[in-house]
Amino acid sequence: MLKLLKDLAALAIGIIEVLLIFRFILRLLAANPNSVFVNWIYVNTAPLLQPFIFAFPNPAVASGFVIEFTTLFAVFAYAFLGFVLQEILEILVDQKR
């Protein structure tokens, strides 16, 4: 049961990481927010960024390109959180044996 939980946690963190990386790339390349896919990514990743909002500036480069440091920090923070969660679950799985 704990192995399943560990696998589900890894899957959830992986999906979060991919979505945030997509957001970073789309903002960096100044993707059109009126596009259905781009809008979907922005809407669904906004709650993931709430704990980190306004932590870093988002400098705009020429022609609307934006380097979203908040998103980059969130990617690393969720990766670290996922690592810690995986280690805790690994300890629990080892104790069950």
PDB file of N, CA and C in Angstrom:
ATOM      1  N   MET A   1       0.818  -1.201   0.000  1.00  0.00           N
ATOM      2  CA  MET A   1       0.000   0.000   0.000  1.00  0.00           C
ATOM      3  C   MET A   1       0.859   1.260   0.000  1.00  0.00           C
ATOM      4  N   LEU A   2       1.923   1.257   0.813  1.00  0.00           N
ATOM      5  CA  LEU A   2       2.803   2.416   0.841  1.00  0.00           C
ATOM      6  C   LEU A   2       3.565   2.574  -0.468  1.00  0.00           C
ATOM      7  N   LYS A   3       3.883   1.463  -1.118  1.00  0.00           N
ATOM      8  CA  LYS A   3       4.558   1.546  -2.424  1.00  0.00           C
ATOM      9  C   LYS A   3       3.648   2.230  -3.435  1.00  0.00           C
ATOM     10  N   LEU A   4       2.369   1.907  -3.407  1.00  0.00           N
ATOM     11  CA  LEU A   4       1.410   2.556  -4.297  1.00  0.00           C
ATOM     12  C   LEU A   4       1.331   4.053  -4.005  1.00  0.00           C
ATOM     13  N   LEU A   5       1.318   4.389  -2.733  1.00  0.00           N
ATOM     14  CA  LEU A   5       1.284   5.794  -2.336  1.00  0.00           C
ATOM     15  C   LEU A   5       2.544   6.519  -2.803  1.00  0.00           C
ATOM     16  N   LYS A   6       3.674   5.854  -2.686  1.00  0.00           N
ATOM     17  CA  LYS A   6       4.945   6.426  -3.146  1.00  0.00           C
ATOM     18  C   LYS A   6       4.915   6.657  -4.655  1.00  0.00           C
ATOM     19  N   ASP A   7       4.396   5.690  -5.394  1.00  0.00           N
ATOM     20  CA  ASP A   7       4.305   5.824  -6.847  1.00  0.00           C
ATOM     21  C   ASP A   7       3.343   6.939  -7.253  1.00  0.00           C
ATOM     22  N   LEU A   8       2.223   7.038  -6.551  1.00  0.00           N
ATOM     23  CA  LEU A   8       1.262   8.113  -6.845  1.00  0.00           C
ATOM     24  C   LEU A   8       1.834   9.482  -6.531  1.00  0.00           C
ATOM     25  N   ALA A   9       2.601   9.572  -5.459  1.00  0.00           N
ATOM     26  CA  ALA A   9       3.248  10.847  -5.112  1.00  0.00           C
ATOM     27  C   ALA A   9       4.261  11.234  -6.178  1.00  0.00           C
ATOM     28  N   ALA A  10       5.027  10.275  -6.655  1.00  0.00           N
ATOM     29  CA  ALA A  10       6.005  10.535  -7.707  1.00  0.00           C
ATOM     30  C   ALA A  10       5.307  10.985  -8.991  1.00  0.00           C
ATOM     31  N   LEU A  11       4.200  10.359  -9.319  1.00  0.00           N
ATOM     32  CA  LEU A  11       3.434  10.745 -10.499  1.00  0.00           C
ATOM     33  C   LEU A  11       2.884  12.166 -10.363  1.00  0.00           C
ATOM     34  N   ALA A  12       2.323  12.485  -9.207  1.00  0.00           N
ATOM     35  CA  ALA A  12       1.748  13.818  -8.985  1.00  0.00           C
ATOM     36  C   ALA A  12       2.829  14.894  -9.067  1.00  0.00           C
ATOM     37  N   ILE A  13       3.956  14.668  -8.431  1.00  0.00           N
ATOM     38  CA  ILE A  13       5.049  15.641  -8.482  1.00  0.00           C
ATOM     39  C   ILE A  13       5.570  15.771  -9.907  1.00  0.00           C
ATOM     40  N   GLY A  14       5.662  14.677 -10.625  1.00  0.00           N
ATOM     41  CA  GLY A  14       6.103  14.717 -12.019  1.00  0.00           C
ATOM     42  C   GLY A  14       5.174  15.542 -12.893  1.00  0.00           C
ATOM     43  N   ILE A  15       3.881  15.377 -12.716  1.00  0.00           N
ATOM     44  CA  ILE A  15       2.899  16.154 -13.485  1.00  0.00           C
ATOM     45  C   ILE A  15       3.009  17.631 -13.135  1.00  0.00           C
ATOM     46  N   ILE A  16       3.144  17.939 -11.851  1.00  0.00           N
ATOM     47  CA  ILE A  16       3.295  19.337 -11.425  1.00  0.00           C
ATOM     48  C   ILE A  16       4.541  19.948 -12.053  1.00  0.00           C
ATOM     49  N   GLU A  17       5.639  19.218 -12.035  1.00  0.00           N
ATOM     50  CA  GLU A  17       6.887  19.717 -12.608  1.00  0.00           C
ATOM     51  C   GLU A  17       6.744  19.995 -14.111  1.00  0.00           C
ATOM     52  N   VAL A  18       6.139  19.073 -14.824  1.00  0.00           N
ATOM     53  CA  VAL A  18       5.966  19.249 -16.273  1.00  0.00           C
ATOM     54  C   VAL A  18       5.094  20.462 -16.574  1.00  0.00           C
ATOM     55  N   LEU A  19       3.993  20.616 -15.849  1.00  0.00           N
ATOM     56  CA  LEU A  19       3.112  21.762 -16.071  1.00  0.00           C
ATOM     57  C   LEU A  19       3.832  23.082 -15.795  1.00  0.00           C
ATOM     58  N   LEU A  20       4.598  23.131 -14.723  1.00  0.00           N
ATOM     59  CA  LEU A  20       5.324  24.363 -14.396  1.00  0.00           C
ATOM     60  C   LEU A  20       6.415  24.671 -15.424  1.00  0.00           C
ATOM     61  N   ILE A  21       7.078  23.645 -15.918  1.00  0.00           N
ATOM     62  CA  ILE A  21       8.093  23.862 -16.951  1.00  0.00           C
ATOM     63  C   ILE A  21       7.450  24.358 -18.237  1.00  0.00           C
ATOM     64  N   PHE A  22       6.287  23.785 -18.597  1.00  0.00           N
ATOM     65  CA  PHE A  22       5.545  24.291 -19.760  1.00  0.00           C
ATOM     66  C   PHE A  22       5.210  25.766 -19.563  1.00  0.00           C
ATOM     67  N   ARG A  23       4.725  26.128 -18.378  1.00  0.00           N
ATOM     68  CA  ARG A  23       4.378  27.523 -18.101  1.00  0.00           C
ATOM     69  C   ARG A  23       5.601  28.419 -18.270  1.00  0.00           C
ATOM     70  N   PHE A  24       6.726  28.009 -17.704  1.00  0.00           N
ATOM     71  CA  PHE A  24       7.939  28.816 -17.803  1.00  0.00           C
ATOM     72  C   PHE A  24       8.326  29.038 -19.264  1.00  0.00           C
ATOM     73  N   ILE A  25       8.320  27.972 -20.046  1.00  0.00           N
ATOM     74  CA  ILE A  25       8.703  28.077 -21.460  1.00  0.00           C
ATOM     75  C   ILE A  25       7.716  28.944 -22.234  1.00  0.00           C
ATOM     76  N   LEU A  26       6.419  28.764 -21.985  1.00  0.00           N
ATOM     77  CA  LEU A  26       5.416  29.561 -22.693  1.00  0.00           C
ATOM     78  C   LEU A  26       5.541  31.045 -22.360  1.00  0.00           C
ATOM     79  N   ARG A  27       5.783  31.373 -21.091  1.00  0.00           N
ATOM     80  CA  ARG A  27       5.966  32.775 -20.708  1.00  0.00           C
ATOM     81  C   ARG A  27       7.267  33.327 -21.287  1.00  0.00           C
ATOM     82  N   LEU A  28       8.311  32.500 -21.291  1.00  0.00           N
ATOM     83  CA  LEU A  28       9.601  32.923 -21.831  1.00  0.00           C
ATOM     84  C   LEU A  28       9.499  33.247 -23.316  1.00  0.00           C
ATOM     85  N   LEU A  29       8.699  32.472 -24.030  1.00  0.00           N
ATOM     86  CA  LEU A  29       8.553  32.664 -25.473  1.00  0.00           C
ATOM     87  C   LEU A  29       7.389  33.586 -25.833  1.00  0.00           C
ATOM     88  N   ALA A  30       6.762  34.198 -24.830  1.00  0.00           N
ATOM     89  CA  ALA A  30       5.650  35.135 -25.029  1.00  0.00           C
ATOM     90  C   ALA A  30       4.515  34.503 -25.825  1.00  0.00           C
ATOM     91  N   ALA A  31       4.109  33.306 -25.408  1.00  0.00           N
ATOM     92  CA  ALA A  31       3.007  32.608 -26.080  1.00  0.00           C
ATOM     93  C   ALA A  31       1.715  33.402 -25.915  1.00  0.00           C
ATOM     94  N   ASN A  32       0.846  33.288 -26.886  1.00  0.00           N
ATOM     95  CA  ASN A  32      -0.423  34.008 -26.886  1.00  0.00           C
ATOM     96  C   ASN A  32      -1.351  33.429 -25.819  1.00  0.00           C
ATOM     97  N   PRO A  33      -1.696  34.222 -24.792  1.00  0.00           N
ATOM     98  CA  PRO A  33      -2.561  33.694 -23.724  1.00  0.00           C
ATOM     99  C   PRO A  33      -3.998  33.437 -24.179  1.00  0.00           C
ATOM    100  N   ASN A  34      -4.354  33.874 -25.368  1.00  0.00           N
ATOM    101  CA  ASN A  34      -5.695  33.609 -25.898  1.00  0.00           C
ATOM    102  C   ASN A  34      -5.803  32.218 -26.511  1.00  0.00           C
ATOM    103  N   SER A  35      -4.659  31.571 -26.702  1.00  0.00           N
ATOM    104  CA  SER A  35      -4.660  30.197 -27.195  1.00  0.00           C
ATOM    105  C   SER A  35      -5.247  29.295 -26.113  1.00  0.00           C
ATOM    106  N   VAL A  36      -6.032  28.324 -26.510  1.00  0.00           N
ATOM    107  CA  VAL A  36      -6.712  27.449 -25.554  1.00  0.00           C
ATOM    108  C   VAL A  36      -5.698  26.690 -24.695  1.00  0.00           C
ATOM    109  N   PHE A  37      -4.687  26.105 -25.320  1.00  0.00           N
ATOM    110  CA  PHE A  37      -3.695  25.336 -24.573  1.00  0.00           C
ATOM    111  C   PHE A  37      -2.900  26.215 -23.616  1.00  0.00           C
ATOM    112  N   VAL A  38      -2.438  27.357 -24.101  1.00  0.00           N
ATOM    113  CA  VAL A  38      -1.644  28.270 -23.270  1.00  0.00           C
ATOM    114  C   VAL A  38      -2.483  28.760 -22.096  1.00  0.00           C
ATOM    115  N   ASN A  39      -3.715  29.137 -22.368  1.00  0.00           N
ATOM    116  CA  ASN A  39      -4.606  29.596 -21.299  1.00  0.00           C
ATOM    117  C   ASN A  39      -4.848  28.483 -20.279  1.00  0.00           C
ATOM    118  N   TRP A  40      -5.018  27.259 -20.747  1.00  0.00           N
ATOM    119  CA  TRP A  40      -5.235  26.123 -19.843  1.00  0.00           C
ATOM    120  C   TRP A  40      -4.027  25.931 -18.922  1.00  0.00           C
ATOM    121  N   ILE A  41      -2.829  26.023 -19.496  1.00  0.00           N
ATOM    122  CA  ILE A  41      -1.611  25.886 -18.686  1.00  0.00           C
ATOM    123  C   ILE A  41      -1.546  27.003 -17.647  1.00  0.00           C
ATOM    124  N   TYR A  42      -1.790  28.247 -18.064  1.00  0.00           N
ATOM    125  CA  TYR A  42      -1.715  29.381 -17.129  1.00  0.00           C
ATOM    126  C   TYR A  42      -2.746  29.247 -16.005  1.00  0.00           C
ATOM    127  N   VAL A  43      -3.965  28.873 -16.349  1.00  0.00           N
ATOM    128  CA  VAL A  43      -5.033  28.768 -15.349  1.00  0.00           C
ATOM    129  C   VAL A  43      -4.746  27.636 -14.358  1.00  0.00           C
ATOM    130  N   ASN A  44      -4.270  26.506 -14.863  1.00  0.00           N
ATOM    131  CA  ASN A  44      -4.065  25.345 -13.993  1.00  0.00           C
ATOM    132  C   ASN A  44      -2.772  25.394 -13.180  1.00  0.00           C
ATOM    133  N   THR A  45      -1.836  26.224 -13.586  1.00  0.00           N
ATOM    134  CA  THR A  45      -0.609  26.339 -12.801  1.00  0.00           C
ATOM    135  C   THR A  45      -0.640  27.537 -11.849  1.00  0.00           C
ATOM    136  N   ALA A  46      -1.576  28.429 -12.023  1.00  0.00           N
ATOM    137  CA  ALA A  46      -1.657  29.606 -11.139  1.00  0.00           C
ATOM    138  C   ALA A  46      -1.783  29.222  -9.663  1.00  0.00           C
ATOM    139  N   PRO A  47      -2.643  28.255  -9.297  1.00  0.00           N
ATOM    140  CA  PRO A  47      -2.715  27.886  -7.866  1.00  0.00           C
ATOM    141  C   PRO A  47      -1.405  27.295  -7.331  1.00  0.00           C
ATOM    142  N   LEU A  48      -0.629  26.649  -8.189  1.00  0.00           N
ATOM    143  CA  LEU A  48       0.642  26.082  -7.754  1.00  0.00           C
ATOM    144  C   LEU A  48       1.663  27.167  -7.436  1.00  0.00           C
ATOM    145  N   LEU A  49       1.488  28.336  -8.027  1.00  0.00           N
ATOM    146  CA  LEU A  49       2.430  29.435  -7.821  1.00  0.00           C
ATOM    147  C   LEU A  49       2.036  30.346  -6.663  1.00  0.00           C
ATOM    148  N   GLN A  50       0.831  30.191  -6.128  1.00  0.00           N
ATOM    149  CA  GLN A  50       0.348  31.088  -5.076  1.00  0.00           C
ATOM    150  C   GLN A  50       1.289  31.196  -3.873  1.00  0.00           C
ATOM    151  N   PRO A  51       1.882  30.106  -3.378  1.00  0.00           N
ATOM    152  CA  PRO A  51       2.779  30.256  -2.223  1.00  0.00           C
ATOM    153  C   PRO A  51       4.039  31.080  -2.531  1.00  0.00           C
ATOM    154  N   PHE A  52       4.370  31.214  -3.810  1.00  0.00           N
ATOM    155  CA  PHE A  52       5.620  31.874  -4.194  1.00  0.00           C
ATOM    156  C   PHE A  52       5.408  33.218  -4.878  1.00  0.00           C
ATOM    157  N   ILE A  53       4.158  33.628  -5.024  1.00  0.00           N
ATOM    158  CA  ILE A  53       3.844  34.836  -5.778  1.00  0.00           C
ATOM    159  C   ILE A  53       4.522  36.046  -5.141  1.00  0.00           C
ATOM    160  N   PHE A  54       5.050  36.909  -5.931  1.00  0.00           N
ATOM    161  CA  PHE A  54       5.753  38.129  -5.534  1.00  0.00           C
ATOM    162  C   PHE A  54       7.053  37.857  -4.798  1.00  0.00           C
ATOM    163  N   ALA A  55       7.536  36.626  -4.783  1.00  0.00           N
ATOM    164  CA  ALA A  55       8.810  36.331  -4.131  1.00  0.00           C
ATOM    165  C   ALA A  55       9.972  36.886  -4.954  1.00  0.00           C
ATOM    166  N   PHE A  56       9.805  36.887  -6.264  1.00  0.00           N
ATOM    167  CA  PHE A  56      10.858  37.353  -7.158  1.00  0.00           C
ATOM    168  C   PHE A  56      10.242  38.242  -8.232  1.00  0.00           C
ATOM    169  N   PRO A  57      11.017  39.154  -8.766  1.00  0.00           N
ATOM    170  CA  PRO A  57      10.498  39.963  -9.878  1.00  0.00           C
ATOM    171  C   PRO A  57      10.430  39.125 -11.155  1.00  0.00           C
ATOM    172  N   ASN A  58       9.581  39.533 -12.063  1.00  0.00           N
ATOM    173  CA  ASN A  58       9.477  38.884 -13.364  1.00  0.00           C
ATOM    174  C   ASN A  58       9.922  39.872 -14.430  1.00  0.00           C
ATOM    175  N   PRO A  59      11.217  39.918 -14.697  1.00  0.00           N
ATOM    176  CA  PRO A  59      11.688  40.908 -15.662  1.00  0.00           C
ATOM    177  C   PRO A  59      11.196  40.596 -17.073  1.00  0.00           C
ATOM    178  N   ALA A  60      10.718  41.636 -17.729  1.00  0.00           N
ATOM    179  CA  ALA A  60      10.269  41.496 -19.115  1.00  0.00           C
ATOM    180  C   ALA A  60      11.431  41.839 -20.033  1.00  0.00           C
ATOM    181  N   VAL A  61      11.623  40.999 -20.995  1.00  0.00           N
ATOM    182  CA  VAL A  61      12.642  41.226 -21.999  1.00  0.00           C
ATOM    183  C   VAL A  61      11.912  41.781 -23.220  1.00  0.00           C
ATOM    184  N   ALA A  62      12.611  42.159 -24.242  1.00  0.00           N
ATOM    185  CA  ALA A  62      12.012  42.760 -25.427  1.00  0.00           C
ATOM    186  C   ALA A  62      10.869  41.919 -25.998  1.00  0.00           C
ATOM    187  N   SER A  63       9.891  42.568 -26.554  1.00  0.00           N
ATOM    188  CA  SER A  63       8.761  41.960 -27.269  1.00  0.00           C
ATOM    189  C   SER A  63       7.872  41.074 -26.409  1.00  0.00           C
ATOM    190  N   GLY A  64       7.766  41.343 -25.133  1.00  0.00           N
ATOM    191  CA  GLY A  64       6.837  40.615 -24.284  1.00  0.00           C
ATOM    192  C   GLY A  64       7.362  39.333 -23.679  1.00  0.00           C
ATOM    193  N   PHE A  65       8.611  38.999 -23.944  1.00  0.00           N
ATOM    194  CA  PHE A  65       9.194  37.805 -23.333  1.00  0.00           C
ATOM    195  C   PHE A  65       9.362  38.061 -21.842  1.00  0.00           C
ATOM    196  N   VAL A  66       9.003  37.078 -21.023  1.00  0.00           N
ATOM    197  CA  VAL A  66       9.082  37.235 -19.569  1.00  0.00           C
ATOM    198  C   VAL A  66       9.869  36.076 -18.973  1.00  0.00           C
ATOM    199  N   ILE A  67      10.806  36.416 -18.104  1.00  0.00           N
ATOM    200  CA  ILE A  67      11.533  35.390 -17.363  1.00  0.00           C
ATOM    201  C   ILE A  67      10.870  35.307 -15.999  1.00  0.00           C
ATOM    202  N   GLU A  68      10.117  34.247 -15.779  1.00  0.00           N
ATOM    203  CA  GLU A  68       9.350  34.088 -14.543  1.00  0.00           C
ATOM    204  C   GLU A  68      10.180  33.330 -13.511  1.00  0.00           C
ATOM    205  N   PHE A  69      10.906  34.080 -12.692  1.00  0.00           N
ATOM    206  CA  PHE A  69      11.723  33.457 -11.657  1.00  0.00           C
ATOM    207  C   PHE A  69      10.863  32.766 -10.611  1.00  0.00           C
ATOM    208  N   THR A  70       9.656  33.255 -10.409  1.00  0.00           N
ATOM    209  CA  THR A  70       8.742  32.620  -9.463  1.00  0.00           C
ATOM    210  C   THR A  70       8.447  31.184  -9.894  1.00  0.00           C
ATOM    211  N   THR A  71       8.218  30.987 -11.173  1.00  0.00           N
ATOM    212  CA  THR A  71       7.949  29.644 -11.683  1.00  0.00           C
ATOM    213  C   THR A  71       9.181  28.751 -11.543  1.00  0.00           C
ATOM    214  N   LEU A  72      10.349  29.301 -11.840  1.00  0.00           N
ATOM    215  CA  LEU A  72      11.578  28.520 -11.678  1.00  0.00           C
ATOM    216  C   LEU A  72      11.771  28.092 -10.228  1.00  0.00           C
ATOM    217  N   PHE A  73      11.539  29.017  -9.306  1.00  0.00           N
ATOM    218  CA  PHE A  73      11.675  28.689  -7.894  1.00  0.00           C
ATOM    219  C   PHE A  73      10.658  27.623  -7.494  1.00  0.00           C
ATOM    220  N   ALA A  74       9.428  27.741  -8.009  1.00  0.00           N
ATOM    221  CA  ALA A  74       8.389  26.752  -7.704  1.00  0.00           C
ATOM    222  C   ALA A  74       8.785  25.370  -8.219  1.00  0.00           C
ATOM    223  N   VAL A  75       9.405  25.307  -9.392  1.00  0.00           N
ATOM    224  CA  VAL A  75       9.861  24.021  -9.940  1.00  0.00           C
ATOM    225  C   VAL A  75      10.847  23.370  -8.969  1.00  0.00           C
ATOM    226  N   PHE A  76      11.812  24.147  -8.498  1.00  0.00           N
ATOM    227  CA  PHE A  76      12.798  23.596  -7.567  1.00  0.00           C
ATOM    228  C   PHE A  76      12.178  23.261  -6.213  1.00  0.00           C
ATOM    229  N   ALA A  77      11.267  24.103  -5.745  1.00  0.00           N
ATOM    230  CA  ALA A  77      10.619  23.857  -4.450  1.00  0.00           C
ATOM    231  C   ALA A  77       9.782  22.587  -4.486  1.00  0.00           C
ATOM    232  N   TYR A  78       8.996  22.393  -5.550  1.00  0.00           N
ATOM    233  CA  TYR A  78       8.182  21.180  -5.652  1.00  0.00           C
ATOM    234  C   TYR A  78       9.052  19.945  -5.855  1.00  0.00           C
ATOM    235  N   ALA A  79      10.162  20.091  -6.566  1.00  0.00           N
ATOM    236  CA  ALA A  79      11.077  18.958  -6.722  1.00  0.00           C
ATOM    237  C   ALA A  79      11.666  18.566  -5.374  1.00  0.00           C
ATOM    238  N   PHE A  80      12.058  19.560  -4.586  1.00  0.00           N
ATOM    239  CA  PHE A  80      12.599  19.279  -3.255  1.00  0.00           C
ATOM    240  C   PHE A  80      11.528  18.649  -2.365  1.00  0.00           C
ATOM    241  N   LEU A  81      10.325  19.199  -2.404  1.00  0.00           N
ATOM    242  CA  LEU A  81       9.215  18.645  -1.627  1.00  0.00           C
ATOM    243  C   LEU A  81       8.941  17.196  -2.037  1.00  0.00           C
ATOM    244  N   GLY A  82       8.970  16.936  -3.333  1.00  0.00           N
ATOM    245  CA  GLY A  82       8.767  15.573  -3.825  1.00  0.00           C
ATOM    246  C   GLY A  82       9.861  14.630  -3.358  1.00  0.00           C
ATOM    247  N   PHE A  83      11.104  15.122  -3.361  1.00  0.00           N
ATOM    248  CA  PHE A  83      12.217  14.310  -2.888  1.00  0.00           C
ATOM    249  C   PHE A  83      12.047  13.957  -1.416  1.00  0.00           C
ATOM    250  N   VAL A  84      11.710  14.960  -0.601  1.00  0.00           N
ATOM    251  CA  VAL A  84      11.515  14.723   0.834  1.00  0.00           C
ATOM    252  C   VAL A  84      10.370  13.732   1.057  1.00  0.00           C
ATOM    253  N   LEU A  85       9.269  13.917   0.332  1.00  0.00           N
ATOM    254  CA  LEU A  85       8.126  13.012   0.462  1.00  0.00           C
ATOM    255  C   LEU A  85       8.506  11.589   0.059  1.00  0.00           C
ATOM    256  N   GLN A  86       9.265  11.451  -1.018  1.00  0.00           N
ATOM    257  CA  GLN A  86       9.705  10.129  -1.463  1.00  0.00           C
ATOM    258  C   GLN A  86      10.601   9.460  -0.419  1.00  0.00           C
ATOM    259  N   GLU A  87      11.473  10.233   0.195  1.00  0.00           N
ATOM    260  CA  GLU A  87      12.359   9.678   1.220  1.00  0.00           C
ATOM    261  C   GLU A  87      11.571   9.233   2.458  1.00  0.00           C
ATOM    262  N   ILE A  88      10.594  10.035   2.866  1.00  0.00           N
ATOM    263  CA  ILE A  88       9.756   9.661   4.011  1.00  0.00           C
ATOM    264  C   ILE A  88       8.991   8.377   3.714  1.00  0.00           C
ATOM    265  N   LEU A  89       8.418   8.298   2.526  1.00  0.00           N
ATOM    266  CA  LEU A  89       7.676   7.091   2.162  1.00  0.00           C
ATOM    267  C   LEU A  89       8.606   5.885   2.039  1.00  0.00           C
ATOM    268  N   GLU A  90       9.821   6.088   1.578  1.00  0.00           N
ATOM    269  CA  GLU A  90      10.802   5.003   1.477  1.00  0.00           C
ATOM    270  C   GLU A  90      11.141   4.480   2.865  1.00  0.00           C
ATOM    271  N   ILE A  91      11.303   5.382   3.829  1.00  0.00           N
ATOM    272  CA  ILE A  91      11.570   4.972   5.205  1.00  0.00           C
ATOM    273  C   ILE A  91      10.397   4.150   5.750  1.00  0.00           C
ATOM    274  N   LEU A  92       9.184   4.609   5.473  1.00  0.00           N
ATOM    275  CA  LEU A  92       8.001   3.876   5.948  1.00  0.00           C
ATOM    276  C   LEU A  92       7.881   2.509   5.293  1.00  0.00           C
ATOM    277  N   VAL A  93       8.208   2.414   4.005  1.00  0.00           N
ATOM    278  CA  VAL A  93       8.154   1.130   3.302  1.00  0.00           C
ATOM    279  C   VAL A  93       9.198   0.188   3.900  1.00  0.00           C
ATOM    280  N   ASP A  94      10.395   0.690   4.181  1.00  0.00           N
ATOM    281  CA  ASP A  94      11.446  -0.151   4.767  1.00  0.00           C
ATOM    282  C   ASP A  94      11.089  -0.633   6.162  1.00  0.00           C
ATOM    283  N   GLN A  95      10.371   0.196   6.929  1.00  0.00           N
ATOM    284  CA  GLN A  95       9.972  -0.204   8.278  1.00  0.00           C
ATOM    285  C   GLN A  95       8.903  -1.300   8.240  1.00  0.00           C
ATOM    286  N   LYS A  96       8.116  -1.331   7.189  1.00  0.00           N
ATOM    287  CA  LYS A  96       7.063  -2.352   7.060  1.00  0.00           C
ATOM    288  C   LYS A  96       7.659  -3.738   6.806  1.00  0.00           C
ATOM    289  N   ARG A  97       8.857  -3.777   6.252  1.00  0.00           N
ATOM    290  CA  ARG A  97       9.476  -5.074   5.879  1.00  0.00           C
ATOM    291  C   ARG A  97      10.013  -5.761   7.051  1.00  0.00           C
TER     292      ARG A  97
END
